[in-house]
Protein backbone atom coordinates (compact mmCIF):
# COMPACT_ATOMS: atom_id res chain seq x y z
CA MET A 1 112.71 110.62 78.88
CA PHE A 2 111.77 110.62 82.55
CA VAL A 3 109.49 113.51 83.46
CA VAL A 4 109.20 114.80 87.01
CA LEU A 5 105.55 115.59 87.51
CA VAL A 6 104.42 118.06 90.13
CA ALA A 7 100.78 118.75 90.91
CA ASN A 8 100.65 122.48 91.62
CA VAL A 9 98.15 123.37 94.29
CA ASN A 10 98.14 127.05 93.40
CA ARG A 11 96.00 126.53 90.33
CA PHE A 12 92.70 128.37 90.55
CA VAL A 13 89.41 127.22 89.11
CA LEU A 14 87.17 130.18 88.24
CA GLY A 15 89.09 132.21 90.77
CA GLU A 16 88.20 129.91 93.65
CA GLN A 17 90.13 127.28 95.55
CA GLN A 18 87.34 124.74 95.46
CA PRO A 19 88.59 121.16 94.99
CA ARG A 20 87.10 119.27 92.06
CA TYR A 21 86.85 116.05 94.00
CA SER A 22 85.13 114.66 97.05
CA VAL A 23 86.49 112.42 99.82
CA THR A 24 84.11 110.49 102.05
CA GLU A 25 85.46 108.52 104.99
CA THR A 26 83.75 105.91 107.18
CA ASP A 27 85.08 103.40 109.67
CA ASP A 28 85.47 100.84 106.87
CA ARG A 29 86.60 102.73 103.77
CA ILE A 30 87.61 105.94 102.05
CA THR A 31 85.76 106.86 98.84
CA VAL A 32 87.15 109.37 96.34
CA VAL A 33 85.21 110.84 93.42
CA THR A 34 86.82 113.01 90.72
CA PRO A 35 85.44 114.23 87.39
CA HIS A 36 86.85 111.06 85.78
CA LEU A 37 87.00 108.33 88.42
CA GLU A 38 85.39 106.83 91.48
CA LEU A 39 87.32 104.51 93.79
CA ALA A 40 87.51 103.25 97.35
CA ILE A 41 90.28 102.28 99.76
CA GLN A 42 89.26 99.55 102.17
CA LYS A 43 90.35 100.00 105.80
CA ARG A 44 89.18 96.64 107.12
CA GLY A 45 88.91 93.12 105.78
CA TYR A 46 90.54 92.64 102.39
CA VAL A 47 92.95 95.58 102.44
CA SER A 48 95.72 97.35 100.45
CA GLY A 49 95.39 98.90 97.03
CA ILE A 50 92.06 99.94 95.52
CA ALA A 51 89.03 98.00 96.73
CA ALA A 52 87.45 95.39 94.49
CA GLN A 53 84.84 96.59 91.98
CA SER A 54 85.13 100.17 93.28
CA PHE A 55 87.26 101.59 90.45
CA VAL A 56 84.75 103.23 88.10
CA ASP A 57 85.49 104.94 84.78
CA ARG A 58 82.94 107.74 84.77
CA LYS A 59 83.29 108.17 80.99
CA THR A 60 81.96 104.68 80.24
CA GLY A 61 80.48 103.42 83.52
CA PHE A 62 82.73 100.35 83.50
CA ARG A 63 84.49 99.15 86.65
CA ASP A 64 87.31 96.72 87.45
CA ALA A 65 86.48 93.04 87.16
CA GLY A 66 88.57 91.54 89.94
CA PHE A 67 89.48 91.52 93.62
CA GLY A 68 91.11 94.94 93.70
CA LEU A 69 94.02 96.81 92.10
CA ASP A 70 97.64 96.95 93.30
CA ILE A 71 96.84 94.45 96.03
CA VAL A 72 99.82 93.42 98.19
CA ASP A 73 101.04 90.07 99.54
CA TRP A 74 104.34 89.19 101.26
CA LEU A 75 108.14 89.35 100.88
CA MET A 76 109.95 86.50 99.17
CA GLU A 77 113.25 85.15 97.87
CA PRO A 78 114.20 82.57 95.24
CA GLY A 79 114.67 79.07 96.64
CA SER A 80 112.54 76.61 98.52
CA ASP A 81 111.28 76.19 102.09
CA GLU A 82 110.99 72.38 101.77
CA SER A 83 113.87 71.61 104.15
CA TYR A 84 112.38 73.68 107.00
CA ARG A 85 108.72 73.86 106.03
CA ASN A 86 107.57 72.00 109.15
CA THR A 87 108.98 74.81 111.32
CA LEU A 88 107.17 77.63 109.53
CA PRO A 89 103.98 79.38 110.57
CA PRO A 90 101.25 78.35 108.11
CA ASP A 91 101.18 81.86 106.63
CA LEU A 92 104.79 81.52 105.42
CA VAL A 93 104.57 78.07 103.82
CA TYR A 94 104.92 78.29 100.03
CA GLN A 95 103.75 75.23 98.15
CA PHE A 96 104.72 74.71 94.53
CA ASN A 97 104.47 71.93 91.93
CA ASN A 98 100.77 72.73 91.63
CA LEU A 99 98.40 74.66 89.37
CA TYR A 100 98.55 77.74 91.61
CA HIS A 101 102.32 78.30 91.64
CA GLY A 102 103.59 75.94 88.97
CA GLN A 103 107.02 74.34 89.27
CA ILE A 104 108.65 77.54 90.48
CA PRO A 105 110.45 77.18 93.82
CA LYS A 106 110.22 80.29 95.99
CA ARG A 107 110.13 80.95 99.71
CA SER A 108 108.38 83.48 101.89
CA ILE A 109 110.75 85.60 103.97
CA GLU A 110 108.32 87.85 105.85
CA GLY A 111 104.56 87.83 106.22
CA PRO A 112 101.72 87.52 106.65
CA GLN A 113 99.95 88.21 103.35
CA ILE A 114 98.84 91.81 103.78
CA CYS A 115 95.60 91.72 101.79
CA THR A 116 94.04 88.78 103.64
CA LYS A 117 95.75 88.83 107.04
CA ALA A 118 96.56 92.41 108.03
CA GLY A 119 92.93 92.82 109.04
CA GLU A 120 92.97 96.59 109.33
CA LEU A 121 95.05 99.42 107.91
CA HIS A 122 94.95 103.11 108.78
CA PRO A 123 95.14 105.04 105.50
CA ARG A 124 96.21 108.68 105.63
CA VAL A 125 94.68 111.22 103.23
CA VAL A 126 96.53 114.20 101.75
CA ARG A 127 94.30 116.71 99.97
CA GLY A 128 95.80 118.89 97.26
CA LYS A 129 94.15 121.39 94.94
CA ASP A 130 94.09 119.05 91.94
CA PHE A 131 94.72 115.68 93.54
CA VAL A 132 94.11 113.36 96.48
CA ALA A 133 96.91 111.17 97.82
CA ILE A 134 96.41 108.24 100.17
CA GLN A 135 99.18 106.47 102.05
CA GLN A 136 98.96 103.00 103.59
CA GLU A 137 101.59 101.00 105.44
CA PHE A 138 102.09 97.74 107.27
CA GLN A 139 104.96 96.22 109.26
CA TYR A 140 105.48 92.50 108.69
CA TYR A 141 105.51 90.52 111.93
CA LEU A 142 106.33 86.97 110.79
CA ALA A 143 109.74 85.84 109.55
CA ALA A 144 111.35 82.66 108.25
CA PRO A 145 114.14 80.99 110.29
CA GLY A 146 117.29 83.08 110.24
CA LYS A 147 115.41 86.18 109.11
CA ASN A 148 114.10 89.18 111.03
CA ALA A 149 110.52 90.40 111.13
CA GLY A 150 109.71 94.10 110.88
CA SER A 151 110.19 95.22 107.27
CA LEU A 152 107.91 98.14 106.45
CA TRP A 153 105.68 98.21 103.37
CA ARG A 154 104.35 101.60 102.23
CA GLN A 155 101.97 102.44 99.44
CA TRP A 156 100.98 105.74 97.89
CA ILE A 157 97.90 106.10 95.69
CA VAL A 158 97.75 109.49 93.98
CA ILE A 159 94.45 110.38 92.28
CA PRO A 160 94.68 113.41 89.97
CA CYS A 161 91.50 115.27 89.03
CA ASP A 162 92.23 115.40 85.31
CA THR A 163 92.99 111.77 84.38
CA ARG A 164 91.23 108.44 84.03
CA TYR A 165 94.18 106.82 85.78
CA VAL A 166 95.95 106.98 89.11
CA PHE A 167 99.60 106.73 90.13
CA THR A 168 100.64 104.20 92.76
CA MET A 169 103.84 103.17 94.50
CA ASP A 170 104.80 100.18 96.61
CA SER A 171 108.00 100.37 98.64
CA VAL A 172 109.70 98.14 101.21
CA GLU A 173 112.22 99.20 103.83
CA THR A 174 113.80 95.87 104.70
CA VAL A 175 115.28 94.63 107.97
CA ASN A 176 117.06 91.74 106.25
CA ASN A 177 120.01 91.14 103.99
CA SER A 178 119.00 89.26 100.87
CA PRO A 179 120.53 88.25 97.54
CA ALA A 180 117.19 88.87 95.78
CA LEU A 181 114.33 90.13 97.95
CA PHE A 182 111.06 90.80 96.13
CA LEU A 183 107.51 91.91 96.93
CA ARG A 184 104.50 90.14 95.42
CA ILE A 185 101.56 92.25 94.26
CA ASP A 186 98.58 92.04 91.89
CA MET A 187 99.15 94.37 88.93
CA PRO A 188 96.80 95.70 87.76
CA GLY A 189 94.62 93.04 89.39
CA HIS A 190 93.02 89.65 88.83
CA ILE A 191 90.06 89.18 86.47
CA ARG A 192 86.94 87.35 87.63
CA HIS A 193 85.06 85.86 84.70
CA LYS A 194 82.99 82.96 83.37
CA ASN A 195 84.36 81.95 79.98
CA GLY A 196 85.45 85.50 79.25
CA ASP A 197 82.17 87.25 80.02
CA THR A 198 83.90 90.25 81.69
CA PHE A 199 86.76 90.75 79.20
CA ASP A 200 87.56 89.83 75.62
CA LEU A 201 91.27 90.51 75.27
CA ILE A 202 94.45 90.79 77.33
CA TYR A 203 97.47 92.82 76.28
CA LEU A 204 100.97 92.11 77.64
CA SER A 205 103.60 94.48 76.24
CA TYR A 206 106.24 91.75 76.45
CA PHE A 207 104.04 89.18 74.66
CA GLY A 208 101.19 90.74 72.67
CA PHE A 209 97.43 90.17 72.54
CA ILE A 210 95.76 87.14 74.11
CA PRO A 211 92.07 86.34 73.49
CA ALA A 212 89.81 85.47 76.41
CA LYS A 213 89.36 81.89 75.16
CA GLU A 214 92.93 81.12 76.32
CA PHE A 215 91.64 81.41 79.91
CA PHE A 216 88.65 79.08 79.78
CA GLU A 217 90.60 76.29 81.53
CA ASP A 218 93.11 76.41 84.40
CA PHE A 219 96.84 76.25 83.71
CA PRO A 220 99.92 76.98 85.89
CA PRO A 221 101.83 80.27 85.74
CA ASP A 222 104.92 78.74 84.13
CA ALA A 223 102.95 77.12 81.29
CA ARG A 224 102.64 80.27 79.16
CA PHE A 225 102.47 84.09 79.22
CA ARG A 226 105.11 84.34 81.98
CA TYR A 227 107.79 87.02 82.09
CA PHE A 228 110.94 86.30 84.12
CA ARG A 229 113.75 88.84 84.20
CA GLY A 230 116.83 87.51 82.47
CA GLU A 231 115.01 84.82 80.51
CA GLN A 232 113.34 87.29 78.14
CA PRO A 233 114.73 90.56 76.79
CA LEU A 234 113.97 93.57 78.96
CA PRO A 235 110.90 95.20 77.35
CA ASP A 236 110.84 98.90 76.50
CA ARG A 237 107.57 99.18 78.45
CA PHE A 238 105.93 96.97 81.05
CA ILE A 239 102.18 97.16 80.45
CA ARG A 240 99.55 94.60 81.44
CA ALA A 241 95.96 95.35 80.49
CA TYR A 242 92.59 93.79 79.80
CA ARG A 243 89.73 95.07 77.68
CA LEU A 244 86.48 95.02 79.61
CA ARG A 245 83.22 93.55 78.42
CA ASP A 246 79.72 93.98 79.85
CA PRO A 247 78.75 90.48 81.03
CA GLU A 248 75.07 91.19 80.46
CA THR A 249 75.12 92.77 76.99
CA GLY A 250 78.55 91.81 75.67
CA ALA A 251 79.27 95.46 74.91
CA GLN A 252 82.97 96.31 74.66
CA GLY A 253 84.42 98.63 77.30
CA PRO A 254 87.73 100.45 77.82
CA TRP A 255 91.10 98.92 78.58
CA LEU A 256 92.07 98.69 82.26
CA ALA A 257 95.87 98.81 82.45
CA GLY A 258 98.59 98.43 85.05
CA MET A 259 101.90 99.95 83.91
CA THR A 260 105.18 99.50 85.79
CA LEU A 261 107.08 102.65 84.91
CA ASP A 262 110.56 101.10 85.11
CA PRO A 263 110.56 97.65 83.48
CA ALA A 264 113.87 96.76 85.17
CA VAL A 265 112.19 96.60 88.58
CA VAL A 266 109.99 93.63 87.55
CA TYR A 267 111.45 90.33 88.75
CA ASP A 268 108.69 87.92 87.73
CA ALA A 269 105.19 88.33 86.33
CA TRP A 270 102.58 85.88 85.18
CA CYS A 271 99.12 85.83 83.70
CA HIS A 272 97.45 82.45 84.16
CA GLN A 273 94.06 80.91 84.90
CA ARG A 274 93.22 79.51 88.35
CA GLY A 275 89.46 79.94 88.48
CA TYR A 276 90.11 83.56 87.51
CA VAL A 277 92.86 85.25 85.54
CA CYS A 278 95.71 85.72 88.01
CA MET A 279 97.98 88.68 87.23
CA ILE A 280 100.78 88.40 89.78
CA GLU A 281 103.78 90.70 89.55
CA GLU A 282 106.89 90.61 91.73
CA ILE A 283 109.09 93.70 92.11
CA GLY A 284 112.67 93.90 93.30
CA GLY A 285 114.73 90.73 93.12
CA TYR A 286 118.09 92.48 93.47
CA PRO A 287 120.67 92.18 96.29
CA ILE A 288 119.73 94.35 99.25
CA LYS A 289 120.95 95.02 102.80
CA ALA A 290 119.05 95.67 106.00
CA GLY A 291 118.00 99.31 106.22
CA GLN A 292 117.74 99.77 102.46
CA THR A 293 114.54 100.42 100.50
CA PHE A 294 113.31 99.29 97.11
CA SER A 295 110.20 100.50 95.30
CA ALA A 296 108.24 100.59 92.07
CA ALA A 297 105.85 103.17 90.62
CA PHE A 298 102.81 102.37 88.51
CA ILE A 299 99.98 103.86 86.51
CA VAL A 300 96.64 102.09 86.91
CA GLY A 301 93.64 103.21 84.95
CA TYR A 302 91.41 103.35 81.90
CA PHE A 303 92.43 103.88 78.28
CA ASP A 304 90.55 103.72 74.99
CA THR A 305 93.47 102.38 72.93
CA ILE A 306 96.88 100.75 73.28
CA GLY A 307 98.37 103.82 71.60
CA GLU A 308 96.97 106.00 74.37
CA MET A 309 98.57 103.72 76.95
CA ILE A 310 101.95 103.92 75.23
CA MET A 311 101.87 107.72 74.97
CA THR A 312 101.02 107.98 78.67
CA TYR A 313 103.67 105.43 79.64
CA ASP A 314 106.42 107.20 77.71
CA ARG A 315 105.59 110.50 79.39
CA TYR A 316 106.41 109.08 82.82
CA ALA A 317 108.81 106.23 81.98
CA GLY A 318 111.67 105.65 84.40
CA ALA A 319 109.93 106.46 87.67
CA ARG A 320 110.29 104.11 90.63
CA ALA A 321 108.88 106.18 93.48
CA ILE A 322 106.35 108.81 94.48
CA GLU A 323 107.18 111.65 96.84
CA VAL A 324 104.40 113.62 98.54
CA ASP A 325 105.11 116.94 100.25
CA GLU A 326 102.24 117.51 102.66
CA SER A 327 103.35 121.02 103.62
CA VAL A 328 102.47 122.49 100.21
CA PRO A 329 100.88 120.02 99.34
CA GLN A 330 102.30 118.63 96.10
CA TRP A 331 103.58 115.35 94.72
CA ARG A 332 106.03 114.11 92.14
CA LEU A 333 107.35 110.98 90.53
CA MET A 334 110.94 110.12 91.30
CA PRO A 335 113.59 108.12 89.40
CA THR A 336 115.45 105.10 90.78
CA GLN A 337 116.33 105.57 94.44
């Protein structure tokens, strides 16, 4: 059952309205510390999502092992750009028939890739009594022939004080008609490793458990461990997680999970090796008209067991959006728009 969650800012702690978190802001990043988590949002350079290696589980001291969490790329459609590739800006060319993208024809509709090419974002912070919310946005300025530029990507990252996980949302207000527009993101994020030194196990709810040894050599995304909507049954839950390992001692850490709260919003998702474990997820992929919006909501965070992940997922299952009311302030998860 879908649960609407509201963070009530009227809660008192020991009779005082003192927030149980800190927010530090510089020209380059925003850092948030709660009783359970530390994380940073990068303003410049490699942007969007949660900054690489900044997401710390204060219970165990472990941090993410990749390039960031809920990192955002570009807008795409099924098909191929081969017939007009020579007319495209380099940032929109999509090569396939290779180890990076496999034999999966797709084409970029709007760009550039946000994480590497936006350069600078201007995150906005909303401070509640028991949470911090951060909004980021970017307007695409490149478009393929016959398409318009100007679609607006927005992201919310909501950080409650009382959990080892955060809630995120990515949404796109499109300026194009499309039979199947989708947004590419990293969910939860890629895994940097040397022969599995930073993780020992991956869990995909639509596949099962995969040992680290499966990722010692590169293979394309369509070779194995790929989910494509319509080719596999729709899973009850869409959870992708890896169990951390201390590369120095080998000690086992917690699970770091990315959970898409409505499985039906996932168009394509893969988990393959390309020098690192690449966990791409694409959301949307349904017919859409200019002026319409599509979105997905996620939980990203630390868990001790798969059972704990499932219990948390089921509490919030069905959400596709986050709404933040700054006047109160409060926030809530929303069902399909």
